[in-house]
Structure formats: structure tokens, C-alpha cells
């Protein structure tokens, strides 16, 4: 296998707090930190799903996404599949 050109994404399980007036909402999820192209890949993956299966809770900025906690393996496998599609292997 050749060099993988994208940095590995890091995922951290966190709780997202949002305040609206005096109510505080807490949502458990994964914080994904990655470069801009990888974030766009994940956003496009989310956009390709039907509304009931969307997993991005909040797009924090261009390199950080807050997603549902159960999608880490799906994201990793989609990245691995994409990496395999774009990797070149020299013919024997």
C-alpha cells in the first residue's frame, strides 16, 4: 500500500452543551478533528444519506464536526474504502 495522503482523523467522545435561555441541552457524541478535505468528505457522506440516517449533529468549523456516537466505524470504513479507490498499486 502506498502513502495515505490524508491525515488520520481523530475522534473524541464528548458531550455538547447548548444553552437557550435558561434551558441547557446535553448531547453525547463524537468530536471529529481533521483537515478541510476530510471534513468535506464526511459532510458529503452525511448529505448522501436519507434524513433519518444523517449523523452530523453540528458542523463546528471547517476542521471540526460533532457527530452521533454510533457512526465512528461507518466513517472509518467509508474513509478506508475511499482510500483504497484512490490508491495506486503498481502492476506486477
N, C-alpha and C. Protein backbone atom coordinates (compact mmCIF):
# COMPACT_ATOMS: atom_id res chain seq x y z
N UNK A 1 0.85 -1.17 0.00
CA UNK A 1 0.00 0.00 0.00
C UNK A 1 0.89 1.23 0.00
N UNK A 2 0.46 2.23 -0.70
CA UNK A 2 1.22 3.46 -0.80
C UNK A 2 0.85 4.41 0.34
N UNK A 3 1.58 5.52 0.39
CA UNK A 3 1.36 6.54 1.41
C UNK A 3 -0.06 7.09 1.31
N UNK A 4 -0.73 7.18 2.44
CA UNK A 4 -2.07 7.75 2.52
C UNK A 4 -1.95 9.26 2.63
N UNK A 5 -2.44 10.03 1.64
CA UNK A 5 -2.18 11.47 1.61
C UNK A 5 -2.96 12.30 2.63
N UNK A 6 -3.97 11.73 3.26
CA UNK A 6 -4.78 12.50 4.20
C UNK A 6 -4.36 12.17 5.63
N UNK A 7 -4.31 13.17 6.50
CA UNK A 7 -4.02 12.86 7.90
C UNK A 7 -5.15 12.04 8.51
N UNK A 8 -4.80 11.21 9.46
CA UNK A 8 -5.79 10.40 10.16
C UNK A 8 -6.69 11.34 10.95
N UNK A 9 -7.97 11.04 10.94
CA UNK A 9 -8.90 11.87 11.71
C UNK A 9 -8.84 11.44 13.16
N UNK A 10 -9.08 12.35 14.05
CA UNK A 10 -9.14 11.99 15.46
C UNK A 10 -10.58 12.17 15.94
N UNK A 11 -11.01 11.19 16.73
CA UNK A 11 -12.38 11.23 17.26
C UNK A 11 -12.30 11.21 18.78
N UNK A 12 -13.08 12.04 19.40
CA UNK A 12 -13.11 12.15 20.84
C UNK A 12 -14.56 12.17 21.29
N UNK A 13 -14.90 11.30 22.24
CA UNK A 13 -16.28 11.27 22.72
C UNK A 13 -16.47 12.41 23.71
N UNK A 14 -17.45 13.25 23.43
CA UNK A 14 -17.71 14.43 24.26
C UNK A 14 -19.21 14.62 24.45
N UNK A 15 -19.55 15.56 25.30
CA UNK A 15 -20.93 15.96 25.50
C UNK A 15 -21.05 17.41 25.06
N UNK A 16 -21.97 17.68 24.17
CA UNK A 16 -22.19 19.02 23.62
C UNK A 16 -23.27 19.69 24.43
N UNK A 17 -22.98 20.86 24.98
CA UNK A 17 -23.95 21.62 25.76
C UNK A 17 -24.40 22.83 24.97
N UNK A 18 -25.68 23.04 24.91
CA UNK A 18 -26.20 24.25 24.27
C UNK A 18 -27.20 24.90 25.22
N UNK A 19 -27.11 26.20 25.31
CA UNK A 19 -27.99 26.95 26.21
C UNK A 19 -28.96 27.81 25.40
N UNK A 20 -30.21 27.68 25.70
CA UNK A 20 -31.25 28.51 25.11
C UNK A 20 -32.06 29.09 26.26
N UNK A 21 -31.81 30.34 26.58
CA UNK A 21 -32.49 30.94 27.72
C UNK A 21 -31.98 30.30 29.00
N UNK A 22 -32.88 29.67 29.77
CA UNK A 22 -32.46 29.01 30.99
C UNK A 22 -32.39 27.49 30.84
N UNK A 23 -32.73 26.98 29.66
CA UNK A 23 -32.68 25.53 29.42
C UNK A 23 -31.30 25.15 28.88
N UNK A 24 -30.76 24.04 29.39
CA UNK A 24 -29.48 23.53 28.91
C UNK A 24 -29.72 22.15 28.33
N UNK A 25 -29.27 21.93 27.11
CA UNK A 25 -29.39 20.64 26.46
C UNK A 25 -28.01 20.00 26.37
N UNK A 26 -27.91 18.72 26.71
CA UNK A 26 -26.65 17.98 26.60
C UNK A 26 -26.84 16.84 25.61
N UNK A 27 -25.92 16.73 24.68
CA UNK A 27 -25.98 15.69 23.66
C UNK A 27 -24.64 14.97 23.63
N UNK A 28 -24.65 13.64 23.76
CA UNK A 28 -23.41 12.87 23.66
C UNK A 28 -23.10 12.64 22.20
N UNK A 29 -21.82 12.68 21.88
CA UNK A 29 -21.42 12.45 20.50
C UNK A 29 -19.92 12.36 20.38
N UNK A 30 -19.45 12.36 19.15
CA UNK A 30 -18.03 12.32 18.84
C UNK A 30 -17.60 13.64 18.24
N UNK A 31 -16.47 14.14 18.70
CA UNK A 31 -15.87 15.33 18.12
C UNK A 31 -14.82 14.85 17.13
N UNK A 32 -15.00 15.16 15.87
CA UNK A 32 -14.04 14.76 14.84
C UNK A 32 -13.19 15.97 14.49
N UNK A 33 -11.88 15.79 14.58
CA UNK A 33 -10.93 16.82 14.20
C UNK A 33 -10.14 16.29 13.01
N UNK A 34 -10.16 17.02 11.90
CA UNK A 34 -9.50 16.56 10.68
C UNK A 34 -9.16 17.77 9.82
N UNK A 35 -8.52 17.51 8.67
CA UNK A 35 -8.25 18.61 7.76
C UNK A 35 -9.51 18.93 6.94
N UNK A 36 -9.46 20.03 6.21
CA UNK A 36 -10.65 20.51 5.49
C UNK A 36 -11.14 19.52 4.44
N UNK A 37 -10.27 18.92 3.61
CA UNK A 37 -10.79 17.96 2.62
C UNK A 37 -11.48 16.75 3.26
N UNK A 38 -10.94 16.26 4.37
CA UNK A 38 -11.56 15.11 5.03
C UNK A 38 -12.90 15.52 5.65
N UNK A 39 -12.99 16.72 6.20
CA UNK A 39 -14.26 17.20 6.74
C UNK A 39 -15.30 17.30 5.63
N UNK A 40 -14.89 17.78 4.45
CA UNK A 40 -15.82 17.85 3.33
C UNK A 40 -16.26 16.47 2.87
N UNK A 41 -15.35 15.50 2.92
CA UNK A 41 -15.70 14.12 2.57
C UNK A 41 -16.77 13.60 3.53
N UNK A 42 -16.60 13.86 4.83
CA UNK A 42 -17.57 13.39 5.84
C UNK A 42 -18.90 14.11 5.67
N UNK A 43 -18.87 15.41 5.39
CA UNK A 43 -20.11 16.16 5.17
C UNK A 43 -20.84 15.63 3.94
N UNK A 44 -20.11 15.34 2.87
CA UNK A 44 -20.74 14.77 1.66
C UNK A 44 -21.30 13.39 1.93
N UNK A 45 -20.61 12.60 2.76
CA UNK A 45 -21.13 11.29 3.15
C UNK A 45 -22.45 11.45 3.89
N UNK A 46 -22.52 12.41 4.80
CA UNK A 46 -23.75 12.68 5.55
C UNK A 46 -24.86 13.16 4.61
N UNK A 47 -24.52 14.02 3.66
CA UNK A 47 -25.52 14.55 2.72
C UNK A 47 -26.06 13.49 1.77
N UNK A 48 -25.30 12.42 1.56
CA UNK A 48 -25.76 11.37 0.65
C UNK A 48 -26.76 10.42 1.31
N UNK A 49 -26.96 10.55 2.61
CA UNK A 49 -27.88 9.67 3.34
C UNK A 49 -29.27 10.29 3.42
N UNK A 50 -30.30 9.44 3.59
CA UNK A 50 -31.65 9.98 3.80
C UNK A 50 -31.71 10.73 5.14
N UNK A 51 -32.67 11.63 5.29
CA UNK A 51 -32.75 12.45 6.51
C UNK A 51 -32.78 11.64 7.81
N UNK A 52 -33.38 10.48 7.80
CA UNK A 52 -33.47 9.69 9.03
C UNK A 52 -32.13 9.07 9.44
N UNK A 53 -31.14 9.05 8.54
CA UNK A 53 -29.85 8.43 8.83
C UNK A 53 -28.71 9.44 8.93
N UNK A 54 -29.01 10.72 8.85
CA UNK A 54 -27.95 11.73 8.93
C UNK A 54 -27.32 11.68 10.32
N UNK A 55 -26.00 11.88 10.38
CA UNK A 55 -25.28 11.69 11.63
C UNK A 55 -24.56 12.93 12.14
N UNK A 56 -24.43 13.98 11.34
CA UNK A 56 -23.76 15.20 11.82
C UNK A 56 -24.74 15.97 12.69
N UNK A 57 -24.34 16.19 13.94
CA UNK A 57 -25.16 16.97 14.87
C UNK A 57 -24.88 18.46 14.68
N UNK A 58 -23.59 18.81 14.58
CA UNK A 58 -23.23 20.22 14.42
C UNK A 58 -21.90 20.32 13.69
N UNK A 59 -21.84 21.20 12.71
CA UNK A 59 -20.60 21.50 12.00
C UNK A 59 -19.97 22.68 12.73
N UNK A 60 -18.94 22.42 13.54
CA UNK A 60 -18.39 23.46 14.41
C UNK A 60 -17.57 24.49 13.63
N UNK A 61 -16.67 24.03 12.79
CA UNK A 61 -15.93 24.90 11.89
C UNK A 61 -15.40 24.05 10.74
N UNK A 62 -14.47 24.55 9.98
CA UNK A 62 -14.04 23.84 8.77
C UNK A 62 -13.24 22.57 9.06
N UNK A 63 -12.77 22.39 10.30
CA UNK A 63 -11.98 21.20 10.62
C UNK A 63 -12.53 20.39 11.80
N UNK A 64 -13.69 20.77 12.32
CA UNK A 64 -14.26 20.07 13.47
C UNK A 64 -15.75 19.79 13.24
N UNK A 65 -16.14 18.53 13.44
CA UNK A 65 -17.53 18.11 13.31
C UNK A 65 -17.95 17.40 14.58
N UNK A 66 -19.18 17.62 15.00
CA UNK A 66 -19.75 16.90 16.13
C UNK A 66 -20.80 15.95 15.57
N UNK A 67 -20.59 14.63 15.76
CA UNK A 67 -21.44 13.63 15.13
C UNK A 67 -22.01 12.68 16.18
N UNK A 68 -23.01 11.91 15.77
CA UNK A 68 -23.60 10.92 16.65
C UNK A 68 -22.56 9.86 17.01
N UNK A 69 -22.61 9.33 18.24
CA UNK A 69 -21.54 8.45 18.71
C UNK A 69 -21.48 7.09 18.03
N UNK A 70 -22.54 6.64 17.40
CA UNK A 70 -22.55 5.28 16.83
C UNK A 70 -21.99 5.20 15.42
N UNK A 71 -21.53 6.29 14.84
CA UNK A 71 -21.11 6.27 13.44
C UNK A 71 -19.60 6.20 13.22
N UNK A 72 -18.83 6.03 14.27
CA UNK A 72 -17.38 6.06 14.09
C UNK A 72 -16.89 4.97 13.15
N UNK A 73 -17.40 3.75 13.28
CA UNK A 73 -16.96 2.67 12.39
C UNK A 73 -17.42 2.89 10.96
N UNK A 74 -18.62 3.43 10.78
CA UNK A 74 -19.10 3.71 9.43
C UNK A 74 -18.21 4.74 8.74
N UNK A 75 -17.83 5.79 9.47
CA UNK A 75 -16.98 6.82 8.91
C UNK A 75 -15.60 6.25 8.58
N UNK A 76 -15.04 5.48 9.51
CA UNK A 76 -13.72 4.88 9.27
C UNK A 76 -13.74 3.95 8.06
N UNK A 77 -14.79 3.15 7.92
CA UNK A 77 -14.85 2.23 6.79
C UNK A 77 -15.05 2.98 5.47
N UNK A 78 -15.83 4.07 5.49
CA UNK A 78 -16.01 4.88 4.27
C UNK A 78 -14.69 5.53 3.86
N UNK A 79 -13.92 5.98 4.84
CA UNK A 79 -12.61 6.58 4.54
C UNK A 79 -11.67 5.51 3.98
N UNK A 80 -11.67 4.32 4.58
CA UNK A 80 -10.81 3.24 4.10
C UNK A 80 -11.19 2.84 2.67
N UNK A 81 -12.48 2.77 2.39
CA UNK A 81 -12.94 2.42 1.05
C UNK A 81 -12.51 3.49 0.04
N UNK A 82 -12.66 4.76 0.42
CA UNK A 82 -12.24 5.86 -0.45
C UNK A 82 -10.73 5.81 -0.68
N UNK A 83 -9.98 5.57 0.38
CA UNK A 83 -8.52 5.47 0.27
C UNK A 83 -8.12 4.36 -0.69
N UNK A 84 -8.80 3.21 -0.60
CA UNK A 84 -8.49 2.09 -1.50
C UNK A 84 -8.82 2.43 -2.95
N UNK A 85 -9.86 3.22 -3.16
CA UNK A 85 -10.25 3.59 -4.53
C UNK A 85 -9.25 4.53 -5.18
N UNK A 86 -8.64 5.41 -4.39
CA UNK A 86 -7.73 6.40 -4.97
C UNK A 86 -6.27 6.01 -4.88
N UNK A 87 -5.95 4.90 -4.20
CA UNK A 87 -4.57 4.45 -4.09
C UNK A 87 -4.14 3.72 -5.36
N UNK A 88 -2.93 3.97 -5.77
CA UNK A 88 -2.40 3.32 -6.95
C UNK A 88 -1.46 2.20 -6.51
N UNK A 89 -1.66 1.03 -7.10
CA UNK A 89 -0.75 -0.08 -6.87
C UNK A 89 -0.10 -0.43 -8.19
N UNK A 90 1.20 -0.45 -8.18
CA UNK A 90 1.95 -0.73 -9.39
C UNK A 90 1.68 -2.17 -9.84
N UNK A 91 1.35 -2.36 -11.12
CA UNK A 91 1.10 -3.73 -11.59
C UNK A 91 2.35 -4.59 -11.46
N UNK A 92 2.14 -5.86 -11.20
CA UNK A 92 3.28 -6.77 -11.02
C UNK A 92 3.92 -7.15 -12.33
